[in-house]
């Protein structure tokens, strides 16, 4: 009998976390070695327990999921992390996989899919469902926003006018308009409202 797969769960919603614990306890080849309610605690518990697989939510208190994955992989470069989230925006997926996640699952999947993914990732494979892979492919084809365009987009999402954006970034209104026109084209939208909606839906800008 081989040793069970040792799992760390990082999830801030207590009910969801307890559901995952119960699900994993229902199979013989896995065990939960630790549970964390925020990203910082997740990194600390990973350092302490060195689990075989970490299940990580994206939106976490104190330290976000992507940042937690990055820190965990600094501690253990070959750490095996599965993102389990409700967020399916292409930018969320891209950032998580760039950080080193080996799997990206959505919370509406069946329990058996999670079990299969844990076993696959533990065996050194990746597990990305077709719908997630499609979103990632779309993200990879799209043009990158510059850091200045990202600054402007965040302020648009924050409801700022062109004048307010110019003041915040110390640039002219004409320059603001140029940046907006460029990012509208890159996002494939026709106005500021659509740009803000797309940025939130895709996970490019997170609402604070």
Foldseek 3Di string as FASTA:
>chain_A
DDAAFEEEEEAQDPVVQVVLQVLQVVDDRHHYPYYHNFLVVSLVVCLVPVGLEYEFEACGPPAGRLRSLLSNCVSPVLYEYAYEYQALALVSLVSNVVSPHQEYHYNVDDSVLVVVQSVQSSVVHGYYDPSSVVNPVVVVPFDDQDPLLLLLLQVLLVVDDLVVSCVVVVHDSVVSVVSVVVVCVRLVHDDSVVSNVSCPNNVVDDDD
